[in-house]
Full PDB file with SEQRES, HELIX, SHEET, SSBOND, CRYST1, ORIGX, SCALE, CONECT and MASTER records, all heavy atoms in Angstrom:
SEQRES   1 A   33  ILE TYR PRO VAL SER ALA HIS ASN ALA TYR LEU ALA ASN          
SEQRES   2 A   33  ARG ALA LYS CYS SER LEU ALA LEU TYR LYS LYS LEU PRO          
SEQRES   3 A   33  ASP GLU GLY TRP VAL LYS ASN                                  
HELIX    1 AA1 ALA A    6  TYR A   22  1                                  17    
HELIX    2 AA2 GLY A   29  LYS A   32  1                                   4    
CRYST1    1.000    1.000    1.000  90.00  90.00  90.00 P 1           1          
ORIGX1      1.000000  0.000000  0.000000        0.00000                         
ORIGX2      0.000000  1.000000  0.000000        0.00000                         
ORIGX3      0.000000  0.000000  1.000000        0.00000                         
SCALE1      1.000000  0.000000  0.000000        0.00000                         
SCALE2      0.000000  1.000000  0.000000        0.00000                         
SCALE3      0.000000  0.000000  1.000000        0.00000                         
ATOM      1  N   ILE A   1      99.747 102.412 120.403  1.00  0.00           N  
ATOM      2  CA  ILE A   1      99.116 101.147 120.017  1.00  0.00           C  
ATOM      3  C   ILE A   1      99.115 101.083 118.494  1.00  0.00           C  
ATOM      4  O   ILE A   1      98.689 102.021 117.826  1.00  0.00           O  
ATOM      5  CB  ILE A   1      97.675 101.050 120.542  1.00  0.00           C  
ATOM      6  CG1 ILE A   1      97.659 101.133 122.070  1.00  0.00           C  
ATOM      7  CG2 ILE A   1      97.019  99.749 120.079  1.00  0.00           C  
ATOM      8  CD1 ILE A   1      96.268 101.224 122.652  1.00  0.00           C  
ATOM      9  N   TYR A   2      99.618  99.972 117.959  1.00  0.00           N  
ATOM     10  CA  TYR A   2      99.730  99.825 116.510  1.00  0.00           C  
ATOM     11  C   TYR A   2      99.052  98.542 116.040  1.00  0.00           C  
ATOM     12  O   TYR A   2      99.350  97.458 116.541  1.00  0.00           O  
ATOM     13  CB  TYR A   2     101.206  99.771 116.100  1.00  0.00           C  
ATOM     14  CG  TYR A   2     101.979 101.003 116.485  1.00  0.00           C  
ATOM     15  CD1 TYR A   2     102.703 101.038 117.673  1.00  0.00           C  
ATOM     16  CD2 TYR A   2     101.964 102.125 115.678  1.00  0.00           C  
ATOM     17  CE1 TYR A   2     103.413 102.171 118.021  1.00  0.00           C  
ATOM     18  CE2 TYR A   2     102.671 103.266 116.027  1.00  0.00           C  
ATOM     19  CZ  TYR A   2     103.395 103.279 117.202  1.00  0.00           C  
ATOM     20  OH  TYR A   2     104.089 104.397 117.550  1.00  0.00           O  
ATOM     21  N   PRO A   3      98.157  98.655 115.059  1.00  0.00           N  
ATOM     22  CA  PRO A   3      97.578  97.456 114.470  1.00  0.00           C  
ATOM     23  C   PRO A   3      98.572  96.868 113.470  1.00  0.00           C  
ATOM     24  O   PRO A   3      99.198  97.598 112.703  1.00  0.00           O  
ATOM     25  CB  PRO A   3      96.338  97.987 113.753  1.00  0.00           C  
ATOM     26  CG  PRO A   3      96.734  99.365 113.330  1.00  0.00           C  
ATOM     27  CD  PRO A   3      97.623  99.866 114.440  1.00  0.00           C  
ATOM     28  N   VAL A   4      98.755  95.555 113.497  1.00  0.00           N  
ATOM     29  CA  VAL A   4      99.685  94.912 112.573  1.00  0.00           C  
ATOM     30  C   VAL A   4      99.146  93.555 112.132  1.00  0.00           C  
ATOM     31  O   VAL A   4      98.209  93.023 112.724  1.00  0.00           O  
ATOM     32  CB  VAL A   4     101.086  94.718 113.201  1.00  0.00           C  
ATOM     33  CG1 VAL A   4     101.740  96.048 113.545  1.00  0.00           C  
ATOM     34  CG2 VAL A   4     101.037  93.810 114.418  1.00  0.00           C  
ATOM     35  N   SER A   5      99.774  93.026 111.116  1.00  0.00           N  
ATOM     36  CA  SER A   5      99.512  91.658 110.685  1.00  0.00           C  
ATOM     37  C   SER A   5     100.852  90.945 110.566  1.00  0.00           C  
ATOM     38  O   SER A   5     101.570  91.110 109.571  1.00  0.00           O  
ATOM     39  CB  SER A   5      98.784  91.626 109.337  1.00  0.00           C  
ATOM     40  OG  SER A   5      98.775  90.298 108.848  1.00  0.00           O  
ATOM     41  N   ALA A   6     101.203  90.179 111.580  1.00  0.00           N  
ATOM     42  CA  ALA A   6     102.458  89.434 111.565  1.00  0.00           C  
ATOM     43  C   ALA A   6     102.468  88.423 110.417  1.00  0.00           C  
ATOM     44  O   ALA A   6     103.508  88.193 109.801  1.00  0.00           O  
ATOM     45  CB  ALA A   6     102.673  88.736 112.900  1.00  0.00           C  
ATOM     46  N   HIS A   7     101.331  87.845 110.119  1.00  0.00           N  
ATOM     47  CA  HIS A   7     101.236  86.865 109.031  1.00  0.00           C  
ATOM     48  C   HIS A   7     101.614  87.510 107.695  1.00  0.00           C  
ATOM     49  O   HIS A   7     102.429  86.970 106.944  1.00  0.00           O  
ATOM     50  CB  HIS A   7      99.815  86.288 108.976  1.00  0.00           C  
ATOM     51  CG  HIS A   7      99.600  85.301 107.888  1.00  0.00           C  
ATOM     52  ND1 HIS A   7     100.129  84.037 107.913  1.00  0.00           N  
ATOM     53  CD2 HIS A   7      98.921  85.400 106.721  1.00  0.00           C  
ATOM     54  CE1 HIS A   7      99.780  83.397 106.819  1.00  0.00           C  
ATOM     55  NE2 HIS A   7      99.057  84.200 106.078  1.00  0.00           N  
ATOM     56  N   ASN A   8     101.036  88.665 107.399  1.00  0.00           N  
ATOM     57  CA  ASN A   8     101.368  89.353 106.150  1.00  0.00           C  
ATOM     58  C   ASN A   8     102.833  89.776 106.126  1.00  0.00           C  
ATOM     59  O   ASN A   8     103.502  89.652 105.096  1.00  0.00           O  
ATOM     60  CB  ASN A   8     100.469  90.573 105.950  1.00  0.00           C  
ATOM     61  CG  ASN A   8      99.064  90.209 105.539  1.00  0.00           C  
ATOM     62  OD1 ASN A   8      98.760  89.069 105.229  1.00  0.00           O  
ATOM     63  ND2 ASN A   8      98.185  91.186 105.558  1.00  0.00           N  
ATOM     64  N   ALA A   9     103.343  90.279 107.242  1.00  0.00           N  
ATOM     65  CA  ALA A   9     104.746  90.699 107.310  1.00  0.00           C  
ATOM     66  C   ALA A   9     105.679  89.513 107.083  1.00  0.00           C  
ATOM     67  O   ALA A   9     106.672  89.618 106.357  1.00  0.00           O  
ATOM     68  CB  ALA A   9     105.037  91.358 108.650  1.00  0.00           C  
ATOM     69  N   TYR A  10     105.362  88.380 107.693  1.00  0.00           N  
ATOM     70  CA  TYR A  10     106.169  87.172 107.541  1.00  0.00           C  
ATOM     71  C   TYR A  10     106.216  86.731 106.080  1.00  0.00           C  
ATOM     72  O   TYR A  10     107.293  86.488 105.522  1.00  0.00           O  
ATOM     73  CB  TYR A  10     105.601  86.055 108.419  1.00  0.00           C  
ATOM     74  CG  TYR A  10     106.140  84.693 108.101  1.00  0.00           C  
ATOM     75  CD1 TYR A  10     107.423  84.332 108.491  1.00  0.00           C  
ATOM     76  CD2 TYR A  10     105.378  83.769 107.404  1.00  0.00           C  
ATOM     77  CE1 TYR A  10     107.924  83.076 108.188  1.00  0.00           C  
ATOM     78  CE2 TYR A  10     105.873  82.521 107.100  1.00  0.00           C  
ATOM     79  CZ  TYR A  10     107.145  82.171 107.486  1.00  0.00           C  
ATOM     80  OH  TYR A  10     107.643  80.935 107.183  1.00  0.00           O  
ATOM     81  N   LEU A  11     105.054  86.610 105.443  1.00  0.00           N  
ATOM     82  CA  LEU A  11     105.018  86.165 104.052  1.00  0.00           C  
ATOM     83  C   LEU A  11     105.740  87.152 103.134  1.00  0.00           C  
ATOM     84  O   LEU A  11     106.496  86.746 102.242  1.00  0.00           O  
ATOM     85  CB  LEU A  11     103.572  85.982 103.583  1.00  0.00           C  
ATOM     86  CG  LEU A  11     102.813  84.805 104.176  1.00  0.00           C  
ATOM     87  CD1 LEU A  11     101.359  84.827 103.713  1.00  0.00           C  
ATOM     88  CD2 LEU A  11     103.470  83.479 103.792  1.00  0.00           C  
ATOM     89  N   ALA A  12     105.523  88.443 103.354  1.00  0.00           N  
ATOM     90  CA  ALA A  12     106.168  89.459 102.518  1.00  0.00           C  
ATOM     91  C   ALA A  12     107.689  89.404 102.650  1.00  0.00           C  
ATOM     92  O   ALA A  12     108.407  89.420 101.648  1.00  0.00           O  
ATOM     93  CB  ALA A  12     105.656  90.845 102.890  1.00  0.00           C  
ATOM     94  N   ASN A  13     108.181  89.335 103.875  1.00  0.00           N  
ATOM     95  CA  ASN A  13     109.624  89.297 104.076  1.00  0.00           C  
ATOM     96  C   ASN A  13     110.254  88.017 103.557  1.00  0.00           C  
ATOM     97  O   ASN A  13     111.346  88.044 102.997  1.00  0.00           O  
ATOM     98  CB  ASN A  13     109.976  89.508 105.548  1.00  0.00           C  
ATOM     99  CG  ASN A  13     110.024  90.964 105.892  1.00  0.00           C  
ATOM    100  OD1 ASN A  13     110.461  91.783 105.097  1.00  0.00           O  
ATOM    101  ND2 ASN A  13     109.577  91.303 107.084  1.00  0.00           N  
ATOM    102  N   ARG A  14     109.575  86.921 103.723  1.00  0.00           N  
ATOM    103  CA  ARG A  14     110.104  85.654 103.210  1.00  0.00           C  
ATOM    104  C   ARG A  14     110.201  85.705 101.686  1.00  0.00           C  
ATOM    105  O   ARG A  14     111.199  85.274 101.111  1.00  0.00           O  
ATOM    106  CB  ARG A  14     109.205  84.509 103.664  1.00  0.00           C  
ATOM    107  CG  ARG A  14     109.841  83.176 103.473  1.00  0.00           C  
ATOM    108  CD  ARG A  14     109.357  82.140 104.428  1.00  0.00           C  
ATOM    109  NE  ARG A  14     110.100  80.925 104.169  1.00  0.00           N  
ATOM    110  CZ  ARG A  14     109.704  79.739 104.534  1.00  0.00           C  
ATOM    111  NH1 ARG A  14     108.581  79.605 105.206  1.00  0.00           N  
ATOM    112  NH2 ARG A  14     110.423  78.686 104.265  1.00  0.00           N  
ATOM    113  N   ALA A  15     109.187  86.259 101.030  1.00  0.00           N  
ATOM    114  CA  ALA A  15     109.205  86.383  99.571  1.00  0.00           C  
ATOM    115  C   ALA A  15     110.293  87.358  99.129  1.00  0.00           C  
ATOM    116  O   ALA A  15     111.038  87.077  98.187  1.00  0.00           O  
ATOM    117  CB  ALA A  15     107.843  86.837  99.067  1.00  0.00           C  
ATOM    118  N   LYS A  16     110.393  88.503  99.804  1.00  0.00           N  
ATOM    119  CA  LYS A  16     111.426  89.488  99.444  1.00  0.00           C  
ATOM    120  C   LYS A  16     112.824  88.880  99.545  1.00  0.00           C  
ATOM    121  O   LYS A  16     113.662  89.090  98.660  1.00  0.00           O  
ATOM    122  CB  LYS A  16     111.344  90.716 100.357  1.00  0.00           C  
ATOM    123  CG  LYS A  16     110.214  91.651 100.049  1.00  0.00           C  
ATOM    124  CD  LYS A  16     110.259  92.812 101.040  1.00  0.00           C  
ATOM    125  CE  LYS A  16     109.294  93.891 100.705  1.00  0.00           C  
ATOM    126  NZ  LYS A  16     109.452  95.068 101.565  1.00  0.00           N  
ATOM    127  N   CYS A  17     113.090  88.151 100.600  1.00  0.00           N  
ATOM    128  CA  CYS A  17     114.406  87.526 100.780  1.00  0.00           C  
ATOM    129  C   CYS A  17     114.691  86.500  99.689  1.00  0.00           C  
ATOM    130  O   CYS A  17     115.783  86.470  99.118  1.00  0.00           O  
ATOM    131  CB  CYS A  17     114.506  86.867 102.153  1.00  0.00           C  
ATOM    132  SG  CYS A  17     114.626  88.051 103.504  1.00  0.00           S  
ATOM    133  N   SER A  18     113.726  85.663  99.410  1.00  0.00           N  
ATOM    134  CA  SER A  18     113.901  84.645  98.377  1.00  0.00           C  
ATOM    135  C   SER A  18     114.140  85.280  97.012  1.00  0.00           C  
ATOM    136  O   SER A  18     115.024  84.855  96.263  1.00  0.00           O  
ATOM    137  CB  SER A  18     112.676  83.727  98.322  1.00  0.00           C  
ATOM    138  OG  SER A  18     112.872  82.723  97.357  1.00  0.00           O  
ATOM    139  N   LEU A  19     113.368  86.309  96.683  1.00  0.00           N  
ATOM    140  CA  LEU A  19     113.534  86.986  95.394  1.00  0.00           C  
ATOM    141  C   LEU A  19     114.881  87.698  95.309  1.00  0.00           C  
ATOM    142  O   LEU A  19     115.528  87.699  94.262  1.00  0.00           O  
ATOM    143  CB  LEU A  19     112.382  87.958  95.154  1.00  0.00           C  
ATOM    144  CG  LEU A  19     111.019  87.305  94.917  1.00  0.00           C  
ATOM    145  CD1 LEU A  19     109.904  88.346  94.981  1.00  0.00           C  
ATOM    146  CD2 LEU A  19     110.989  86.545  93.600  1.00  0.00           C  
ATOM    147  N   ALA A  20     115.338  88.289  96.405  1.00  0.00           N  
ATOM    148  CA  ALA A  20     116.626  88.986  96.411  1.00  0.00           C  
ATOM    149  C   ALA A  20     117.791  88.002  96.289  1.00  0.00           C  
ATOM    150  O   ALA A  20     118.756  88.266  95.561  1.00  0.00           O  
ATOM    151  CB  ALA A  20     116.769  89.814  97.681  1.00  0.00           C  
ATOM    152  N   LEU A  21     117.702  86.876  96.984  1.00  0.00           N  
ATOM    153  CA  LEU A  21     118.805  85.918  96.989  1.00  0.00           C  
ATOM    154  C   LEU A  21     118.833  85.000  95.767  1.00  0.00           C  
ATOM    155  O   LEU A  21     119.893  84.720  95.217  1.00  0.00           O  
ATOM    156  CB  LEU A  21     118.737  85.047  98.251  1.00  0.00           C  
ATOM    157  CG  LEU A  21     119.046  85.734  99.566  1.00  0.00           C  
ATOM    158  CD1 LEU A  21     118.754  84.805 100.741  1.00  0.00           C  
ATOM    159  CD2 LEU A  21     120.508  86.181  99.599  1.00  0.00           C  
ATOM    160  N   TYR A  22     117.658  84.522  95.361  1.00  0.00           N  
ATOM    161  CA  TYR A  22     117.604  83.470  94.340  1.00  0.00           C  
ATOM    162  C   TYR A  22     116.907  83.893  93.049  1.00  0.00           C  
ATOM    163  O   TYR A  22     116.836  83.121  92.101  1.00  0.00           O  
ATOM    164  CB  TYR A  22     116.907  82.230  94.906  1.00  0.00           C  
ATOM    165  CG  TYR A  22     117.509  81.778  96.207  1.00  0.00           C  
ATOM    166  CD1 TYR A  22     116.788  81.868  97.394  1.00  0.00           C  
ATOM    167  CD2 TYR A  22     118.806  81.282  96.267  1.00  0.00           C  
ATOM    168  CE1 TYR A  22     117.340  81.459  98.594  1.00  0.00           C  
ATOM    169  CE2 TYR A  22     119.363  80.874  97.463  1.00  0.00           C  
ATOM    170  CZ  TYR A  22     118.622  80.968  98.627  1.00  0.00           C  
ATOM    171  OH  TYR A  22     119.169  80.567  99.819  1.00  0.00           O  
ATOM    172  N   LYS A  23     116.329  85.087  93.048  1.00  0.00           N  
ATOM    173  CA  LYS A  23     115.591  85.606  91.876  1.00  0.00           C  
ATOM    174  C   LYS A  23     114.398  84.732  91.505  1.00  0.00           C  
ATOM    175  O   LYS A  23     113.956  84.704  90.360  1.00  0.00           O  
ATOM    176  CB  LYS A  23     116.510  85.756  90.652  1.00  0.00           C  
ATOM    177  CG  LYS A  23     117.746  86.573  90.898  1.00  0.00           C  
ATOM    178  CD  LYS A  23     117.399  88.018  91.154  1.00  0.00           C  
ATOM    179  CE  LYS A  23     118.661  88.849  91.293  1.00  0.00           C  
ATOM    180  NZ  LYS A  23     118.702  89.654  92.466  1.00  0.00           N  
ATOM    181  N   LYS A  24     113.882  84.016  92.488  1.00  0.00           N  
ATOM    182  CA  LYS A  24     112.683  83.202  92.295  1.00  0.00           C  
ATOM    183  C   LYS A  24     112.115  82.823  93.653  1.00  0.00           C  
ATOM    184  O   LYS A  24     112.762  82.996  94.679  1.00  0.00           O  
ATOM    185  CB  LYS A  24     112.980  81.946  91.483  1.00  0.00           C  
ATOM    186  CG  LYS A  24     113.887  80.961  92.183  1.00  0.00           C  
ATOM    187  CD  LYS A  24     114.090  79.717  91.364  1.00  0.00           C  
ATOM    188  CE  LYS A  24     114.875  78.690  92.187  1.00  0.00           C  
ATOM    189  NZ  LYS A  24     114.906  77.396  91.545  1.00  0.00           N  
ATOM    190  N   LEU A  25     110.902  82.319  93.626  1.00  0.00           N  
ATOM    191  CA  LEU A  25     110.280  81.797  94.844  1.00  0.00           C  
ATOM    192  C   LEU A  25     110.455  80.288  94.854  1.00  0.00           C  
ATOM    193  O   LEU A  25     110.382  79.643  93.810  1.00  0.00           O  
ATOM    194  CB  LEU A  25     108.794  82.158  94.884  1.00  0.00           C  
ATOM    195  CG  LEU A  25     108.482  83.654  94.994  1.00  0.00           C  
ATOM    196  CD1 LEU A  25     106.977  83.886  94.945  1.00  0.00           C  
ATOM    197  CD2 LEU A  25     109.053  84.242  96.272  1.00  0.00           C  
ATOM    198  N   PRO A  26     110.682  79.706  96.014  1.00  0.00           N  
ATOM    199  CA  PRO A  26     110.886  78.259  96.089  1.00  0.00           C  
ATOM    200  C   PRO A  26     109.575  77.493  95.898  1.00  0.00           C  
ATOM    201  O   PRO A  26     108.491  78.065  95.961  1.00  0.00           O  
ATOM    202  CB  PRO A  26     111.432  78.053  97.503  1.00  0.00           C  
ATOM    203  CG  PRO A  26     110.844  79.172  98.280  1.00  0.00           C  
ATOM    204  CD  PRO A  26     110.752  80.337  97.327  1.00  0.00           C  
ATOM    205  N   ASP A  27     109.708  76.218  95.678  1.00  0.00           N  
ATOM    206  CA  ASP A  27     108.548  75.346  95.560  1.00  0.00           C  
ATOM    207  C   ASP A  27     108.196  74.839  96.960  1.00  0.00           C  
ATOM    208  O   ASP A  27     108.470  73.701  97.316  1.00  0.00           O  
ATOM    209  CB  ASP A  27     108.860  74.180  94.612  1.00  0.00           C  
ATOM    210  CG  ASP A  27     107.637  73.319  94.335  1.00  0.00           C  
ATOM    211  OD1 ASP A  27     106.517  73.795  94.559  1.00  0.00           O  
ATOM    212  OD2 ASP A  27     107.825  72.167  93.912  1.00  0.00           O  
ATOM    213  N   GLU A  28     107.629  75.734  97.763  1.00  0.00           N  
ATOM    214  CA  GLU A  28     107.266  75.419  99.142  1.00  0.00           C  
ATOM    215  C   GLU A  28     105.840  75.885  99.408  1.00  0.00           C  
ATOM    216  O   GLU A  28     105.321  76.765  98.724  1.00  0.00           O  
ATOM    217  CB  GLU A  28     108.225  76.099 100.123  1.00  0.00           C  
ATOM    218  CG  GLU A  28     109.648  75.601 100.021  1.00  0.00           C  
ATOM    219  CD  GLU A  28     110.606  76.305 100.972  1.00  0.00           C  
ATOM    220  OE1 GLU A  28     110.151  77.061 101.847  1.00  0.00           O  
ATOM    221  OE2 GLU A  28     111.813  76.088 100.819  1.00  0.00           O  
ATOM    222  N   GLY A  29     105.212  75.314 100.428  1.00  0.00           N  
ATOM    223  CA  GLY A  29     103.805  75.584 100.727  1.00  0.00           C  
ATOM    224  C   GLY A  29     103.463  77.035 101.011  1.00  0.00           C  
ATOM    225  O   GLY A  29     102.394  77.508 100.655  1.00  0.00           O  
ATOM    226  N   TRP A  30     104.361  77.782 101.657  1.00  0.00           N  
ATOM    227  CA  TRP A  30     104.065  79.167 102.013  1.00  0.00           C  
ATOM    228  C   TRP A  30     103.865  80.038 100.782  1.00  0.00           C  
ATOM    229  O   TRP A  30     103.151  81.034 100.839  1.00  0.00           O  
ATOM    230  CB  TRP A  30     105.135  79.755 102.921  1.00  0.00           C  
ATOM    231  CG  TRP A  30     106.488  79.940 102.292  1.00  0.00           C  
ATOM    232  CD1 TRP A  30     107.520  79.056 102.314  1.00  0.00           C  
ATOM    233  CD2 TRP A  30     106.927  81.064 101.542  1.00  0.00           C  
ATOM    234  NE1 TRP A  30     108.587  79.566 101.623  1.00  0.00           N  
ATOM    235  CE2 TRP A  30     108.251  80.801 101.138  1.00  0.00           C  
ATOM    236  CE3 TRP A  30     106.352  82.271 101.164  1.00  0.00           C  
ATOM    237  CZ2 TRP A  30     109.003  81.686 100.384  1.00  0.00           C  
ATOM    238  CZ3 TRP A  30     107.091  83.166 100.397  1.00  0.00           C  
ATOM    239  CH2 TRP A  30     108.405  82.870 100.017  1.00  0.00           C  
ATOM    240  N   VAL A  31     104.484  79.658  99.665  1.00  0.00           N  
ATOM    241  CA  VAL A  31     104.374  80.468  98.439  1.00  0.00           C  
ATOM    242  C   VAL A  31     102.937  80.509  97.952  1.00  0.00           C  
ATOM    243  O   VAL A  31     102.455  81.545  97.496  1.00  0.00           O  
ATOM    244  CB  VAL A  31     105.334  79.943  97.345  1.00  0.00           C  
ATOM    245  CG1 VAL A  31     105.105  80.675  96.030  1.00  0.00           C  
ATOM    246  CG2 VAL A  31     106.773  80.080  97.807  1.00  0.00           C  
ATOM    247  N   LYS A  32     102.233  79.404  98.081  1.00  0.00           N  
ATOM    248  CA  LYS A  32     100.832  79.390  97.661  1.00  0.00           C  
ATOM    249  C   LYS A  32     100.009  80.358  98.516  1.00  0.00           C  
ATOM    250  O   LYS A  32      99.160  81.079  98.009  1.00  0.00           O  
ATOM    251  CB  LYS A  32     100.258  77.985  97.719  1.00  0.00           C  
ATOM    252  CG  LYS A  32      98.910  77.879  97.081  1.00  0.00           C  
ATOM    253  CD  LYS A  32      98.517  76.458  96.785  1.00  0.00           C  
ATOM    254  CE  LYS A  32      97.266  76.492  95.951  1.00  0.00           C  
ATOM    255  NZ  LYS A  32      96.945  75.226  95.359  1.00  0.00           N  
ATOM    256  N   ASN A  33     100.256  80.397  99.827  1.00  0.00           N  
ATOM    257  CA  ASN A  33      99.564  81.363 100.696  1.00  0.00           C  
ATOM    258  C   ASN A  33      99.896  82.793 100.295  1.00  0.00           C  
ATOM    259  O   ASN A  33      99.029  83.661 100.286  1.00  0.00           O  
ATOM    260  CB  ASN A  33      99.948  81.154 102.163  1.00  0.00           C  
ATOM    261  CG  ASN A  33      99.356  79.908 102.744  1.00  0.00           C  
ATOM    262  OD1 ASN A  33      98.325  79.428 102.305  1.00  0.00           O  
ATOM    263  ND2 ASN A  33     100.016  79.362 103.737  1.00  0.00           N  
TER     264      ASN A  33                                                      
MASTER        0    0    0    2    0    0    0    6  263    1    0    3          
END                                                                             
């Protein structure tokens, strides 16, 4: 049994991908979260 936070994982991975591909975060609502 593993405790997790899918919300935190989602935001972290989305940010990592954006930073790796574009070297910046987009102007989208999730970035504020």
